[in-house]
Amino acid sequence: MSLKPYWVNHPVELRFTAALALIISPLVVCWFICESVWELRGDVARAYKEVWGYVIRGGE
């Protein structure tokens, strides 16, 4: 049994693809999380305006 790392016995293209996937996948996850938070922030701001407008108008 060899003690060499898995990628040592594989071609450069595979190593490059794996490295690219390791770099891009966290960025994609971060993008979706940031987008969800941004959308949620907009929903919260909209709800806040609606409730505050209701309070200002005196419960109309």
Protein backbone atom coordinates (compact mmCIF):
# COMPACT_ATOMS: atom_id res chain seq x y z
CA MET A 1 0.00 0.00 0.00
CA SER A 2 1.37 3.36 -1.03
CA LEU A 3 1.53 6.24 1.42
CA LYS A 4 1.50 8.80 -1.38
CA PRO A 5 -1.44 11.20 -1.49
CA TYR A 6 -4.31 10.27 -3.79
CA TRP A 7 -3.59 12.99 -6.37
CA VAL A 8 0.07 12.03 -6.93
CA ASN A 9 -0.88 9.10 -9.17
CA HIS A 10 -3.40 11.06 -11.22
CA PRO A 11 -2.93 13.27 -14.27
CA VAL A 12 -2.39 17.01 -14.06
CA GLU A 13 -5.81 17.73 -15.61
CA LEU A 14 -7.55 15.91 -12.76
CA ARG A 15 -5.50 17.77 -10.17
CA PHE A 16 -6.25 21.08 -11.87
CA THR A 17 -9.97 20.29 -12.01
CA ALA A 18 -10.00 19.29 -8.34
CA ALA A 19 -8.18 22.47 -7.35
CA LEU A 20 -10.57 24.56 -9.42
CA ALA A 21 -13.56 22.84 -7.81
CA LEU A 22 -12.14 23.45 -4.33
CA ILE A 23 -11.72 27.15 -5.12
CA ILE A 24 -15.04 27.72 -6.91
CA SER A 25 -17.43 25.68 -4.76
CA PRO A 26 -17.03 27.80 -1.57
CA LEU A 27 -17.47 30.94 -3.69
CA VAL A 28 -20.72 29.57 -5.13
CA VAL A 29 -21.99 28.65 -1.66
CA CYS A 30 -21.05 32.11 -0.35
CA TRP A 31 -22.83 33.72 -3.32
CA PHE A 32 -26.08 31.86 -2.58
CA ILE A 33 -25.87 32.63 1.15
CA CYS A 34 -25.21 36.33 0.48
CA GLU A 35 -28.03 36.48 -2.06
CA SER A 36 -30.46 34.85 0.39
CA VAL A 37 -29.45 37.23 3.19
CA TRP A 38 -29.81 40.23 0.85
CA GLU A 39 -33.28 39.09 -0.22
CA LEU A 40 -34.27 38.49 3.42
CA ARG A 41 -32.98 41.96 4.31
CA GLY A 42 -35.27 43.45 1.66
CA ASP A 43 -38.25 41.50 3.00
CA VAL A 44 -37.53 42.64 6.56
CA ALA A 45 -37.17 46.27 5.44
CA ARG A 46 -40.45 46.06 3.52
CA ALA A 47 -42.26 44.57 6.52
CA TYR A 48 -40.75 47.21 8.82
CA LYS A 49 -41.97 50.02 6.54
CA GLU A 50 -45.42 48.47 6.37
CA VAL A 51 -45.73 48.08 10.15
CA TRP A 52 -44.25 51.52 10.84
CA GLY A 53 -46.65 53.09 8.32
CA TYR A 54 -49.53 51.32 10.05
CA VAL A 55 -48.38 52.71 13.44
CA ILE A 56 -47.94 56.25 12.06
CA ARG A 57 -51.41 56.21 10.47
CA GLY A 58 -52.88 55.17 13.79
CA GLY A 59 -53.98 51.66 12.90
CA GLU A 60 -56.04 52.38 9.80
